[in-house]
Amino acid sequence: AAPVSNVTPLPVRKAIVPAGQPLPPQPSLNEISPEALASVREVEKRARKLTLMELTERTCKWPIGDPATDDFWFCGLPSLPGKPYCEAHVGVAFQPMSARRDRRR
C-alpha cells in the first residue's frame, strides 16, 4: 500500500516582471563629443530638477547625480516626441555606434 501524504502542494508562482526599464548607462566623458557635452552642461543649468515622482511622459528622464544621495534628480525639461529625453540628452544617449567607436581610438 502507498503511504498517504497530508502535504498540500505549493501553488506555482508567476515570474516577476520588472516595473519599468532600467536607467540607461551614462556614457563616460571620453565617449561624448565636446559639442554634446557643452550642450548637456548648458541644459543642466536650466533643468527643472525633478524627483522620480514628478516625472511624466512629457519630461526628460535623464538621471543626474548619484541616486544614493540627496543631490540626485532628473532633468525634467520637455522631452522629444517618442523619446524619454530632451534634445540635448537624446544627443548624448542615442549616438551611432561608429561615432562612439571612433572617439575611443
PDB file of N, CA and C in Angstrom:
ATOM      1  N   ALA A   1       0.845  -1.186   0.000  1.00  0.00           N
ATOM      2  CA  ALA A   1       0.000   0.000   0.000  1.00  0.00           C
ATOM      3  C   ALA A   1       0.886   1.243   0.000  1.00  0.00           C
ATOM      4  N   ALA A   2       0.503   2.254  -0.763  1.00  0.00           N
ATOM      5  CA  ALA A   2       1.257   3.509  -0.858  1.00  0.00           C
ATOM      6  C   ALA A   2       0.975   4.377   0.361  1.00  0.00           C
ATOM      7  N   PRO A   3       2.016   5.078   0.888  1.00  0.00           N
ATOM      8  CA  PRO A   3       1.793   5.953   2.043  1.00  0.00           C
ATOM      9  C   PRO A   3       0.909   7.140   1.665  1.00  0.00           C
ATOM     10  N   VAL A   4       0.078   7.570   2.586  1.00  0.00           N
ATOM     11  CA  VAL A   4      -0.809   8.715   2.364  1.00  0.00           C
ATOM     12  C   VAL A   4      -0.090   9.973   2.848  1.00  0.00           C
ATOM     13  N   SER A   5      -0.114  11.035   2.028  1.00  0.00           N
ATOM     14  CA  SER A   5       0.570  12.274   2.386  1.00  0.00           C
ATOM     15  C   SER A   5      -0.444  13.368   2.671  1.00  0.00           C
ATOM     16  N   ASN A   6      -0.221  14.099   3.740  1.00  0.00           N
ATOM     17  CA  ASN A   6      -1.088  15.223   4.095  1.00  0.00           C
ATOM     18  C   ASN A   6      -0.493  16.559   3.636  1.00  0.00           C
ATOM     19  N   VAL A   7       0.564  16.524   2.830  1.00  0.00           N
ATOM     20  CA  VAL A   7       1.240  17.742   2.382  1.00  0.00           C
ATOM     21  C   VAL A   7       0.487  18.316   1.187  1.00  0.00           C
ATOM     22  N   THR A   8       0.154  19.612   1.289  1.00  0.00           N
ATOM     23  CA  THR A   8      -0.523  20.304   0.194  1.00  0.00           C
ATOM     24  C   THR A   8       0.536  20.902  -0.718  1.00  0.00           C
ATOM     25  N   PRO A   9       0.461  20.668  -2.029  1.00  0.00           N
ATOM     26  CA  PRO A   9       1.480  21.243  -2.933  1.00  0.00           C
ATOM     27  C   PRO A   9       1.367  22.771  -2.952  1.00  0.00           C
ATOM     28  N   LEU A  10       2.536  23.440  -3.067  1.00  0.00           N
ATOM     29  CA  LEU A  10       2.560  24.900  -3.149  1.00  0.00           C
ATOM     30  C   LEU A  10       2.065  25.345  -4.515  1.00  0.00           C
ATOM     31  N   PRO A  11       1.360  26.485  -4.563  1.00  0.00           N
ATOM     32  CA  PRO A  11       0.910  26.983  -5.872  1.00  0.00           C
ATOM     33  C   PRO A  11       2.110  27.418  -6.714  1.00  0.00           C
ATOM     34  N   VAL A  12       1.989  27.305  -8.005  1.00  0.00           N
ATOM     35  CA  VAL A  12       3.057  27.717  -8.913  1.00  0.00           C
ATOM     36  C   VAL A  12       3.064  29.241  -8.971  1.00  0.00           C
ATOM     37  N   ARG A  13       4.239  29.833  -8.749  1.00  0.00           N
ATOM     38  CA  ARG A  13       4.358  31.296  -8.776  1.00  0.00           C
ATOM     39  C   ARG A  13       4.604  31.790 -10.195  1.00  0.00           C
ATOM     40  N   LYS A  14       4.040  32.954 -10.478  1.00  0.00           N
ATOM     41  CA  LYS A  14       4.295  33.596 -11.759  1.00  0.00           C
ATOM     42  C   LYS A  14       5.659  34.266 -11.715  1.00  0.00           C
ATOM     43  N   ALA A  15       6.263  34.403 -12.864  1.00  0.00           N
ATOM     44  CA  ALA A  15       7.560  35.078 -12.953  1.00  0.00           C
ATOM     45  C   ALA A  15       7.397  36.546 -12.583  1.00  0.00           C
ATOM     46  N   ILE A  16       8.387  37.102 -11.929  1.00  0.00           N
ATOM     47  CA  ILE A  16       8.356  38.516 -11.561  1.00  0.00           C
ATOM     48  C   ILE A  16       8.701  39.341 -12.791  1.00  0.00           C
ATOM     49  N   VAL A  17       7.844  40.307 -13.095  1.00  0.00           N
ATOM     50  CA  VAL A  17       8.066  41.183 -14.237  1.00  0.00           C
ATOM     51  C   VAL A  17       8.526  42.534 -13.703  1.00  0.00           C
ATOM     52  N   PRO A  18       9.655  43.048 -14.185  1.00  0.00           N
ATOM     53  CA  PRO A  18      10.130  44.339 -13.693  1.00  0.00           C
ATOM     54  C   PRO A  18       9.113  45.450 -13.969  1.00  0.00           C
ATOM     55  N   ALA A  19       9.050  46.434 -13.087  1.00  0.00           N
ATOM     56  CA  ALA A  19       8.071  47.511 -13.191  1.00  0.00           C
ATOM     57  C   ALA A  19       8.375  48.475 -14.330  1.00  0.00           C
ATOM     58  N   GLY A  20       9.586  48.578 -14.728  1.00  0.00           N
ATOM     59  CA  GLY A  20       9.942  49.507 -15.802  1.00  0.00           C
ATOM     60  C   GLY A  20      11.303  49.161 -16.351  1.00  0.00           C
ATOM     61  N   GLN A  21      11.735  49.930 -17.305  1.00  0.00           N
ATOM     62  CA  GLN A  21      13.042  49.673 -17.884  1.00  0.00           C
ATOM     63  C   GLN A  21      14.112  50.300 -17.007  1.00  0.00           C
ATOM     64  N   PRO A  22      15.266  49.654 -16.892  1.00  0.00           N
ATOM     65  CA  PRO A  22      16.340  50.241 -16.092  1.00  0.00           C
ATOM     66  C   PRO A  22      16.856  51.510 -16.753  1.00  0.00           C
ATOM     67  N   LEU A  23      17.441  52.367 -15.948  1.00  0.00           N
ATOM     68  CA  LEU A  23      18.023  53.590 -16.486  1.00  0.00           C
ATOM     69  C   LEU A  23      19.190  53.229 -17.394  1.00  0.00           C
ATOM     70  N   PRO A  24      19.370  53.973 -18.465  1.00  0.00           N
ATOM     71  CA  PRO A  24      20.474  53.659 -19.370  1.00  0.00           C
ATOM     72  C   PRO A  24      21.800  53.992 -18.711  1.00  0.00           C
ATOM     73  N   PRO A  25      22.841  53.241 -19.048  1.00  0.00           N
ATOM     74  CA  PRO A  25      24.148  53.607 -18.505  1.00  0.00           C
ATOM     75  C   PRO A  25      24.569  54.943 -19.080  1.00  0.00           C
ATOM     76  N   GLN A  26      25.086  55.807 -18.245  1.00  0.00           N
ATOM     77  CA  GLN A  26      25.535  57.096 -18.743  1.00  0.00           C
ATOM     78  C   GLN A  26      26.912  56.932 -19.357  1.00  0.00           C
ATOM     79  N   PRO A  27      27.117  57.479 -20.545  1.00  0.00           N
ATOM     80  CA  PRO A  27      28.412  57.320 -21.202  1.00  0.00           C
ATOM     81  C   PRO A  27      29.510  58.040 -20.427  1.00  0.00           C
ATOM     82  N   SER A  28      30.714  57.517 -20.504  1.00  0.00           N
ATOM     83  CA  SER A  28      31.827  58.198 -19.853  1.00  0.00           C
ATOM     84  C   SER A  28      32.172  59.443 -20.666  1.00  0.00           C
ATOM     85  N   LEU A  29      32.879  60.372 -20.034  1.00  0.00           N
ATOM     86  CA  LEU A  29      33.151  61.658 -20.678  1.00  0.00           C
ATOM     87  C   LEU A  29      33.905  61.525 -21.987  1.00  0.00           C
ATOM     88  N   ASN A  30      34.776  60.493 -22.126  1.00  0.00           N
ATOM     89  CA  ASN A  30      35.515  60.367 -23.376  1.00  0.00           C
ATOM     90  C   ASN A  30      34.667  59.798 -24.505  1.00  0.00           C
ATOM     91  N   GLU A  31      33.439  59.387 -24.225  1.00  0.00           N
ATOM     92  CA  GLU A  31      32.551  58.885 -25.273  1.00  0.00           C
ATOM     93  C   GLU A  31      31.630  59.967 -25.810  1.00  0.00           C
ATOM     94  N   ILE A  32      31.580  61.129 -25.169  1.00  0.00           N
ATOM     95  CA  ILE A  32      30.671  62.201 -25.555  1.00  0.00           C
ATOM     96  C   ILE A  32      31.446  63.241 -26.349  1.00  0.00           C
ATOM     97  N   SER A  33      30.882  63.660 -27.477  1.00  0.00           N
ATOM     98  CA  SER A  33      31.557  64.684 -28.269  1.00  0.00           C
ATOM     99  C   SER A  33      31.612  65.983 -27.462  1.00  0.00           C
ATOM    100  N   PRO A  34      32.623  66.794 -27.677  1.00  0.00           N
ATOM    101  CA  PRO A  34      32.732  68.065 -26.939  1.00  0.00           C
ATOM    102  C   PRO A  34      31.503  68.957 -27.117  1.00  0.00           C
ATOM    103  N   GLU A  35      30.925  68.942 -28.325  1.00  0.00           N
ATOM    104  CA  GLU A  35      29.740  69.759 -28.589  1.00  0.00           C
ATOM    105  C   GLU A  35      28.551  69.282 -27.758  1.00  0.00           C
ATOM    106  N   ALA A  36      28.347  67.957 -27.746  1.00  0.00           N
ATOM    107  CA  ALA A  36      27.225  67.389 -26.983  1.00  0.00           C
ATOM    108  C   ALA A  36      27.429  67.629 -25.494  1.00  0.00           C
ATOM    109  N   LEU A  37      28.651  67.518 -25.018  1.00  0.00           N
ATOM    110  CA  LEU A  37      28.943  67.738 -23.602  1.00  0.00           C
ATOM    111  C   LEU A  37      28.656  69.183 -23.203  1.00  0.00           C
ATOM    112  N   ALA A  38      29.049  70.127 -24.046  1.00  0.00           N
ATOM    113  CA  ALA A  38      28.783  71.546 -23.770  1.00  0.00           C
ATOM    114  C   ALA A  38      27.283  71.805 -23.750  1.00  0.00           C
ATOM    115  N   SER A  39      26.560  71.196 -24.671  1.00  0.00           N
ATOM    116  CA  SER A  39      25.113  71.355 -24.728  1.00  0.00           C
ATOM    117  C   SER A  39      24.447  70.793 -23.470  1.00  0.00           C
ATOM    118  N   VAL A  40      24.913  69.631 -23.025  1.00  0.00           N
ATOM    119  CA  VAL A  40      24.349  68.999 -21.833  1.00  0.00           C
ATOM    120  C   VAL A  40      24.607  69.868 -20.603  1.00  0.00           C
ATOM    121  N   ARG A  41      25.797  70.419 -20.494  1.00  0.00           N
ATOM    122  CA  ARG A  41      26.112  71.279 -19.335  1.00  0.00           C
ATOM    123  C   ARG A  41      25.220  72.507 -19.298  1.00  0.00           C
ATOM    124  N   GLU A  42      24.959  73.107 -20.459  1.00  0.00           N
ATOM    125  CA  GLU A  42      24.068  74.267 -20.519  1.00  0.00           C
ATOM    126  C   GLU A  42      22.634  73.873 -20.149  1.00  0.00           C
ATOM    127  N   VAL A  43      22.188  72.739 -20.653  1.00  0.00           N
ATOM    128  CA  VAL A  43      20.836  72.266 -20.373  1.00  0.00           C
ATOM    129  C   VAL A  43      20.668  71.989 -18.887  1.00  0.00           C
ATOM    130  N   GLU A  44      21.668  71.395 -18.272  1.00  0.00           N
ATOM    131  CA  GLU A  44      21.559  71.045 -16.861  1.00  0.00           C
ATOM    132  C   GLU A  44      21.520  72.274 -15.965  1.00  0.00           C
ATOM    133  N   LYS A  45      21.990  73.427 -16.454  1.00  0.00           N
ATOM    134  CA  LYS A  45      21.856  74.673 -15.696  1.00  0.00           C
ATOM    135  C   LYS A  45      20.396  75.126 -15.653  1.00  0.00           C
ATOM    136  N   ARG A  46      19.634  74.802 -16.721  1.00  0.00           N
ATOM    137  CA  ARG A  46      18.227  75.211 -16.800  1.00  0.00           C
ATOM    138  C   ARG A  46      17.258  74.087 -16.431  1.00  0.00           C
ATOM    139  N   ALA A  47      17.789  72.932 -16.079  1.00  0.00           N
ATOM    140  CA  ALA A  47      16.946  71.769 -15.793  1.00  0.00           C
ATOM    141  C   ALA A  47      15.957  72.066 -14.664  1.00  0.00           C
ATOM    142  N   ARG A  48      14.855  71.335 -14.674  1.00  0.00           N
ATOM    143  CA  ARG A  48      13.815  71.535 -13.662  1.00  0.00           C
ATOM    144  C   ARG A  48      14.107  70.792 -12.365  1.00  0.00           C
ATOM    145  N   LYS A  49      15.065  69.872 -12.386  1.00  0.00           N
ATOM    146  CA  LYS A  49      15.494  69.113 -11.206  1.00  0.00           C
ATOM    147  C   LYS A  49      14.304  68.409 -10.535  1.00  0.00           C
ATOM    148  N   LEU A  50      13.694  67.498 -11.277  1.00  0.00           N
ATOM    149  CA  LEU A  50      12.522  66.768 -10.791  1.00  0.00           C
ATOM    150  C   LEU A  50      12.906  65.515 -10.018  1.00  0.00           C
ATOM    151  N   THR A  51      12.014  65.106  -9.129  1.00  0.00           N
ATOM    152  CA  THR A  51      12.162  63.819  -8.450  1.00  0.00           C
ATOM    153  C   THR A  51      11.504  62.750  -9.315  1.00  0.00           C
ATOM    154  N   LEU A  52      11.708  61.508  -8.967  1.00  0.00           N
ATOM    155  CA  LEU A  52      11.106  60.398  -9.713  1.00  0.00           C
ATOM    156  C   LEU A  52       9.585  60.537  -9.778  1.00  0.00           C
ATOM    157  N   MET A  53       8.972  60.943  -8.682  1.00  0.00           N
ATOM    158  CA  MET A  53       7.514  61.029  -8.622  1.00  0.00           C
ATOM    159  C   MET A  53       6.957  62.203  -9.432  1.00  0.00           C
ATOM    160  N   GLU A  54       7.801  63.152  -9.809  1.00  0.00           N
ATOM    161  CA  GLU A  54       7.353  64.308 -10.579  1.00  0.00           C
ATOM    162  C   GLU A  54       7.462  64.100 -12.084  1.00  0.00           C
ATOM    163  N   LEU A  55       8.108  63.027 -12.530  1.00  0.00           N
ATOM    164  CA  LEU A  55       8.276  62.771 -13.962  1.00  0.00           C
ATOM    165  C   LEU A  55       6.950  62.439 -14.612  1.00  0.00           C
ATOM    166  N   THR A  56       6.797  62.868 -15.861  1.00  0.00           N
ATOM    167  CA  THR A  56       5.628  62.495 -16.664  1.00  0.00           C
ATOM    168  C   THR A  56       6.140  61.981 -18.002  1.00  0.00           C
ATOM    169  N   GLU A  57       5.221  61.586 -18.873  1.00  0.00           N
ATOM    170  CA  GLU A  57       5.670  61.105 -20.185  1.00  0.00           C
ATOM    171  C   GLU A  57       6.205  62.234 -21.052  1.00  0.00           C
ATOM    172  N   ARG A  58       6.015  63.472 -20.641  1.00  0.00           N
ATOM    173  CA  ARG A  58       6.494  64.619 -21.427  1.00  0.00           C
ATOM    174  C   ARG A  58       7.746  65.269 -20.843  1.00  0.00           C
ATOM    175  N   THR A  59       8.319  64.684 -19.793  1.00  0.00           N
ATOM    176  CA  THR A  59       9.516  65.272 -19.186  1.00  0.00           C
ATOM    177  C   THR A  59      10.733  64.399 -19.455  1.00  0.00           C
ATOM    178  N   CYS A  60      11.891  65.055 -19.521  1.00  0.00           N
ATOM    179  CA  CYS A  60      13.154  64.360 -19.742  1.00  0.00           C
ATOM    180  C   CYS A  60      13.501  63.542 -18.497  1.00  0.00           C
ATOM    181  N   LYS A  61      13.792  62.272 -18.707  1.00  0.00           N
ATOM    182  CA  LYS A  61      14.054  61.349 -17.609  1.00  0.00           C
ATOM    183  C   LYS A  61      15.542  61.076 -17.409  1.00  0.00           C
ATOM    184  N   TRP A  62      16.398  61.973 -17.898  1.00  0.00           N
ATOM    185  CA  TRP A  62      17.838  61.794 -17.766  1.00  0.00           C
ATOM    186  C   TRP A  62      18.227  61.947 -16.301  1.00  0.00           C
ATOM    187  N   PRO A  63      18.849  60.905 -15.716  1.00  0.00           N
ATOM    188  CA  PRO A  63      19.248  60.978 -14.305  1.00  0.00           C
ATOM    189  C   PRO A  63      20.530  61.793 -14.146  1.00  0.00           C
ATOM    190  N   ILE A  64      20.584  62.592 -13.088  1.00  0.00           N
ATOM    191  CA  ILE A  64      21.755  63.429 -12.833  1.00  0.00           C
ATOM    192  C   ILE A  64      22.161  63.261 -11.375  1.00  0.00           C
ATOM    193  N   GLY A  65      23.421  62.907 -11.174  1.00  0.00           N
ATOM    194  CA  GLY A  65      23.939  62.734  -9.828  1.00  0.00           C
ATOM    195  C   GLY A  65      23.921  61.283  -9.381  1.00  0.00           C
ATOM    196  N   ASP A  66      24.216  61.079  -8.121  1.00  0.00           N
ATOM    197  CA  ASP A  66      24.273  59.746  -7.521  1.00  0.00           C
ATOM    198  C   ASP A  66      22.943  59.443  -6.848  1.00  0.00           C
ATOM    199  N   PRO A  67      22.255  58.382  -7.267  1.00  0.00           N
ATOM    200  CA  PRO A  67      20.943  58.063  -6.685  1.00  0.00           C
ATOM    201  C   PRO A  67      20.990  57.793  -5.180  1.00  0.00           C
ATOM    202  N   ALA A  68      22.158  57.522  -4.642  1.00  0.00           N
ATOM    203  CA  ALA A  68      22.267  57.244  -3.208  1.00  0.00           C
ATOM    204  C   ALA A  68      22.372  58.521  -2.376  1.00  0.00           C
ATOM    205  N   THR A  69      22.368  59.694  -3.012  1.00  0.00           N
ATOM    206  CA  THR A  69      22.494  60.951  -2.282  1.00  0.00           C
ATOM    207  C   THR A  69      21.242  61.803  -2.459  1.00  0.00           C
ATOM    208  N   ASP A  70      21.134  62.834  -1.642  1.00  0.00           N
ATOM    209  CA  ASP A  70      20.005  63.768  -1.754  1.00  0.00           C
ATOM    210  C   ASP A  70      20.153  64.696  -2.956  1.00  0.00           C
ATOM    211  N   ASP A  71      21.356  64.755  -3.520  1.00  0.00           N
ATOM    212  CA  ASP A  71      21.613  65.625  -4.662  1.00  0.00           C
ATOM    213  C   ASP A  71      21.417  64.865  -5.981  1.00  0.00           C
ATOM    214  N   PHE A  72      20.375  64.058  -6.059  1.00  0.00           N
ATOM    215  CA  PHE A  72      20.044  63.294  -7.265  1.00  0.00           C
ATOM    216  C   PHE A  72      18.723  63.801  -7.803  1.00  0.00           C
ATOM    217  N   TRP A  73      18.652  63.977  -9.122  1.00  0.00           N
ATOM    218  CA  TRP A  73      17.433  64.476  -9.736  1.00  0.00           C
ATOM    219  C   TRP A  73      17.385  64.077 -11.204  1.00  0.00           C
ATOM    220  N   PHE A  74      16.277  64.388 -11.838  1.00  0.00           N
ATOM    221  CA  PHE A  74      16.092  64.134 -13.265  1.00  0.00           C
ATOM    222  C   PHE A  74      15.967  65.475 -13.966  1.00  0.00           C
ATOM    223  N   CYS A  75      16.420  65.542 -15.195  1.00  0.00           N
ATOM    224  CA  CYS A  75      16.435  66.788 -15.972  1.00  0.00           C
ATOM    225  C   CYS A  75      15.071  67.488 -15.929  1.00  0.00           C
ATOM    226  N   GLY A  76      14.026  66.838 -16.414  1.00  0.00           N
ATOM    227  CA  GLY A  76      12.685  67.410 -16.330  1.00  0.00           C
ATOM    228  C   GLY A  76      12.295  68.379 -17.420  1.00  0.00           C
ATOM    229  N   LEU A  77      13.210  68.742 -18.318  1.00  0.00           N
ATOM    230  CA  LEU A  77      12.845  69.623 -19.434  1.00  0.00           C
ATOM    231  C   LEU A  77      11.921  68.850 -20.384  1.00  0.00           C
ATOM    232  N   PRO A  78      11.230  69.529 -21.297  1.00  0.00           N
ATOM    233  CA  PRO A  78      10.335  68.817 -22.219  1.00  0.00           C
ATOM    234  C   PRO A  78      11.092  67.780 -23.055  1.00  0.00           C
ATOM    235  N   SER A  79      10.559  66.562 -23.106  1.00  0.00           N
ATOM    236  CA  SER A  79      11.198  65.503 -23.892  1.00  0.00           C
ATOM    237  C   SER A  79      10.759  65.592 -25.352  1.00  0.00           C
ATOM    238  N   LEU A  80      11.581  65.024 -26.230  1.00  0.00           N
ATOM    239  CA  LEU A  80      11.231  64.968 -27.647  1.00  0.00           C
ATOM    240  C   LEU A  80      10.130  63.940 -27.858  1.00  0.00           C
ATOM    241  N   PRO A  81       9.243  64.154 -28.811  1.00  0.00           N
ATOM    242  CA  PRO A  81       8.179  63.174 -29.059  1.00  0.00           C
ATOM    243  C   PRO A  81       8.738  61.781 -29.341  1.00  0.00           C
ATOM    244  N   GLY A  82       8.243  60.787 -28.616  1.00  0.00           N
ATOM    245  CA  GLY A  82       8.672  59.410 -28.800  1.00  0.00           C
ATOM    246  C   GLY A  82       9.993  59.062 -28.137  1.00  0.00           C
ATOM    247  N   LYS A  83      10.596  60.003 -27.425  1.00  0.00           N
ATOM    248  CA  LYS A  83      11.876  59.772 -26.750  1.00  0.00           C
ATOM    249  C   LYS A  83      11.705  60.054 -25.254  1.00  0.00           C
ATOM    250  N   PRO A  84      12.553  59.432 -24.423  1.00  0.00           N
ATOM    251  CA  PRO A  84      12.448  59.681 -22.982  1.00  0.00           C
ATOM    252  C   PRO A  84      13.236  60.909 -22.514  1.00  0.00           C
ATOM    253  N   TYR A  85      13.970  61.560 -23.439  1.00  0.00           N
ATOM    254  CA  TYR A  85      14.865  62.641 -23.049  1.00  0.00           C
ATOM    255  C   TYR A  85      14.612  63.910 -23.859  1.00  0.00           C
ATOM    256  N   CYS A  86      15.152  65.027 -23.343  1.00  0.00           N
ATOM    257  CA  CYS A  86      15.123  66.294 -24.067  1.00  0.00           C
ATOM    258  C   CYS A  86      16.128  66.221 -25.225  1.00  0.00           C
ATOM    259  N   GLU A  87      16.142  67.253 -26.038  1.00  0.00           N
ATOM    260  CA  GLU A  87      17.005  67.253 -27.223  1.00  0.00           C
ATOM    261  C   GLU A  87      18.477  67.049 -26.880  1.00  0.00           C
ATOM    262  N   ALA A  88      18.987  67.738 -25.868  1.00  0.00           N
ATOM    263  CA  ALA A  88      20.401  67.616 -25.509  1.00  0.00           C
ATOM    264  C   ALA A  88      20.743  66.217 -25.024  1.00  0.00           C
ATOM    265  N   HIS A  89      19.890  65.630 -24.205  1.00  0.00           N
ATOM    266  CA  HIS A  89      20.184  64.296 -23.680  1.00  0.00           C
ATOM    267  C   HIS A  89      19.962  63.205 -24.728  1.00  0.00           C
ATOM    268  N   VAL A  90      19.062  63.428 -25.677  1.00  0.00           N
ATOM    269  CA  VAL A  90      18.924  62.493 -26.806  1.00  0.00           C
ATOM    270  C   VAL A  90      20.231  62.471 -27.591  1.00  0.00           C
ATOM    271  N   GLY A  91      20.851  63.643 -27.758  1.00  0.00           N
ATOM    272  CA  GLY A  91      22.115  63.723 -28.487  1.00  0.00           C
ATOM    273  C   GLY A  91      23.238  62.943 -27.830  1.00  0.00           C
ATOM    274  N   VAL A  92      23.154  62.773 -26.526  1.00  0.00           N
ATOM    275  CA  VAL A  92      24.164  62.005 -25.800  1.00  0.00           C
ATOM    276  C   VAL A  92      23.792  60.526 -25.771  1.00  0.00           C
ATOM    277  N   ALA A  93      22.526  60.233 -25.531  1.00  0.00           N
ATOM    278  CA  ALA A  93      22.086  58.850 -25.329  1.00  0.00           C
ATOM    279  C   ALA A  93      22.026  58.041 -26.615  1.00  0.00           C
ATOM    280  N   PHE A  94      21.634  58.644 -27.703  1.00  0.00           N
ATOM    281  CA  PHE A  94      21.402  57.900 -28.942  1.00  0.00           C
ATOM    282  C   PHE A  94      22.447  58.235 -29.993  1.00  0.00           C
ATOM    283  N   GLN A  95      23.711  58.001 -29.669  1.00  0.00           N
ATOM    284  CA  GLN A  95      24.789  58.232 -30.621  1.00  0.00           C
ATOM    285  C   GLN A  95      25.007  56.974 -31.452  1.00  0.00           C
ATOM    286  N   PRO A  96      25.327  57.135 -32.739  1.00  0.00           N
ATOM    287  CA  PRO A  96      25.634  55.956 -33.554  1.00  0.00           C
ATOM    288  C   PRO A  96      26.853  55.226 -33.005  1.00  0.00           C
ATOM    289  N   MET A  97      26.847  53.917 -33.061  1.00  0.00           N
ATOM    290  CA  MET A  97      27.957  53.117 -32.541  1.00  0.00           C
ATOM    291  C   MET A  97      29.274  53.467 -33.223  1.00  0.00           C
ATOM    292  N   SER A  98      29.261  53.739 -34.529  1.00  0.00           N
ATOM    293  CA  SER A  98      30.501  54.034 -35.229  1.00  0.00           C
ATOM    294  C   SER A  98      31.140  55.312 -34.696  1.00  0.00           C
ATOM    295  N   ALA A  99      30.351  56.317 -34.364  1.00  0.00           N
ATOM    296  CA  ALA A  99      30.892  57.578 -33.832  1.00  0.00           C
ATOM    297  C   ALA A  99      31.507  57.331 -32.467  1.00  0.00           C
ATOM    298  N   ARG A 100      30.867  56.526 -31.637  1.00  0.00           N
ATOM    299  CA  ARG A 100      31.406  56.220 -30.315  1.00  0.00           C
ATOM    300  C   ARG A 100      32.704  55.432 -30.436  1.00  0.00           C
ATOM    301  N   ARG A 101      32.751  54.491 -31.368  1.00  0.00           N
ATOM    302  CA  ARG A 101      33.933  53.656 -31.563  1.00  0.00           C
ATOM    303  C   ARG A 101      35.111  54.506 -32.035  1.00  0.00           C
ATOM    304  N   ASP A 102      34.852  55.469 -32.949  1.00  0.00           N
ATOM    305  CA  ASP A 102      35.927  56.303 -33.491  1.00  0.00           C
ATOM    306  C   ASP A 102      36.549  57.184 -32.420  1.00  0.00           C
ATOM    307  N   ARG A 103      35.761  57.693 -31.485  1.00  0.00           N
ATOM    308  CA  ARG A 103      36.274  58.582 -30.433  1.00  0.00           C
ATOM    309  C   ARG A 103      37.155  57.849 -29.439  1.00  0.00           C
ATOM    310  N   ARG A 104      36.985  56.553 -29.280  1.00  0.00           N
ATOM    311  CA  ARG A 104      37.784  55.785 -28.327  1.00  0.00           C
ATOM    312  C   ARG A 104      39.212  55.592 -28.815  1.00  0.00           C
ATOM    313  N   ARG A 105      39.443  55.697 -30.106  1.00  0.00           N
ATOM    314  CA  ARG A 105      40.773  55.446 -30.680  1.00  0.00           C
ATOM    315  C   ARG A 105      41.717  56.584 -30.459  1.00  0.00           C
TER     316      ARG A 105
END
